[in-house]
C-alpha cells in the first residue's frame, strides 16, 4: 500500500511529465495541488490539509476548470481548456 505522500508525488510527477511534454513547464508544487484536488472530500484530504492548503488546492482546480478562482475572480488557466 502506498503512503499518501508517495501517492501524491507519483500523481503529481505523472501530471508534470505530461505538462512538460506539452511545453507547460509548471512547478511540481502546482501539480501537487492538482493531484490533491483529485482527493477532495476524502478523509486523508480533510484530515491532512490545513484550511489555507485546501483553499489553495481548490483555487488551482477551479481556475483550471473555469478560469475563475473560488471568489469568482477571473484568472488565467495554466493548461489548455479541454472543453469539458
Protein backbone atom coordinates (compact mmCIF):
# COMPACT_ATOMS: atom_id res chain seq x y z
CA UNK A 1 0.00 0.00 0.00
CA UNK A 2 1.27 3.47 -0.85
CA UNK A 3 1.83 6.07 1.78
CA UNK A 4 -0.39 9.06 0.99
CA UNK A 5 2.53 11.41 0.34
CA UNK A 6 4.08 8.91 -2.04
CA UNK A 7 0.77 8.61 -3.90
CA UNK A 8 0.51 12.39 -4.34
CA UNK A 9 4.12 12.62 -5.54
CA UNK A 10 3.55 9.85 -8.10
CA UNK A 11 0.36 11.52 -9.37
CA UNK A 12 2.00 14.94 -9.49
CA UNK A 13 5.08 13.55 -11.23
CA UNK A 14 2.96 11.96 -13.93
CA UNK A 15 0.97 15.17 -14.40
CA UNK A 16 4.23 17.17 -14.57
CA UNK A 17 5.71 14.80 -17.15
CA UNK A 18 2.62 15.26 -19.30
CA UNK A 19 2.69 19.03 -18.80
CA UNK A 20 6.38 19.18 -19.64
CA UNK A 21 5.73 17.18 -22.82
CA UNK A 22 3.22 19.88 -23.79
CA UNK A 23 5.74 22.62 -23.00
CA UNK A 24 3.95 23.96 -19.90
CA UNK A 25 6.93 23.90 -17.52
CA UNK A 26 4.94 24.45 -14.31
CA UNK A 27 6.26 23.72 -10.84
CA UNK A 28 5.90 20.43 -9.03
CA UNK A 29 4.04 22.34 -6.30
CA UNK A 30 1.35 23.29 -8.84
CA UNK A 31 0.96 19.68 -9.93
CA UNK A 32 0.75 18.54 -6.30
CA UNK A 33 -2.19 20.93 -5.81
CA UNK A 34 -3.93 19.45 -8.83
CA UNK A 35 -3.22 15.93 -7.55
CA UNK A 36 -4.63 16.78 -4.12
CA UNK A 37 -7.69 18.21 -5.89
CA UNK A 38 -8.49 14.69 -7.01
CA UNK A 39 -8.70 13.63 -3.37
CA UNK A 40 -11.04 16.42 -2.26
CA UNK A 41 -13.64 15.30 0.28
CA UNK A 42 -11.68 12.17 1.22
CA UNK A 43 -10.66 11.51 4.82
CA UNK A 44 -6.98 11.99 4.06
CA UNK A 45 -7.66 15.36 2.38
CA UNK A 46 -9.97 16.54 5.16
CA UNK A 47 -7.64 15.42 7.96
CA UNK A 48 -4.21 16.26 6.50
CA UNK A 49 -4.71 19.64 4.85
CA UNK A 50 -4.97 22.99 6.60
CA UNK A 51 -7.77 25.38 5.68
CA UNK A 52 -5.29 27.51 3.70
CA UNK A 53 -3.93 24.49 1.82
CA UNK A 54 -7.48 23.43 0.95
CA UNK A 55 -8.26 26.94 -0.35
CA UNK A 56 -5.08 26.94 -2.47
CA UNK A 57 -5.88 23.50 -3.88
CA UNK A 58 -9.50 24.45 -4.55
CA UNK A 59 -8.44 27.64 -6.33
CA UNK A 60 -5.90 25.82 -8.52
CA UNK A 61 -8.51 23.28 -9.62
CA UNK A 62 -11.32 25.84 -10.10
CA UNK A 63 -9.08 28.10 -12.17
CA UNK A 64 -8.16 25.20 -14.46
CA UNK A 65 -11.78 24.13 -14.84
CA UNK A 66 -13.47 27.51 -15.18
CA UNK A 67 -10.90 30.30 -15.49
CA UNK A 68 -12.17 31.71 -12.17
CA UNK A 69 -10.98 31.26 -8.59
CA UNK A 70 -13.24 30.35 -5.67
CA UNK A 71 -14.25 34.01 -5.29
CA UNK A 72 -15.36 34.20 -8.92
CA UNK A 73 -12.41 36.36 -9.97
CA UNK A 74 -11.17 35.63 -13.50
CA UNK A 75 -7.70 34.08 -13.54
CA UNK A 76 -5.56 32.72 -16.35
CA UNK A 77 -5.63 28.96 -16.74
CA UNK A 78 -2.22 27.32 -16.87
CA UNK A 79 -3.28 24.44 -19.09
CA UNK A 80 -5.30 24.27 -22.26
CA UNK A 81 -9.07 24.10 -21.90
CA UNK A 82 -10.07 20.52 -22.54
CA UNK A 83 -13.62 21.51 -23.42
CA UNK A 84 -15.10 19.52 -20.53
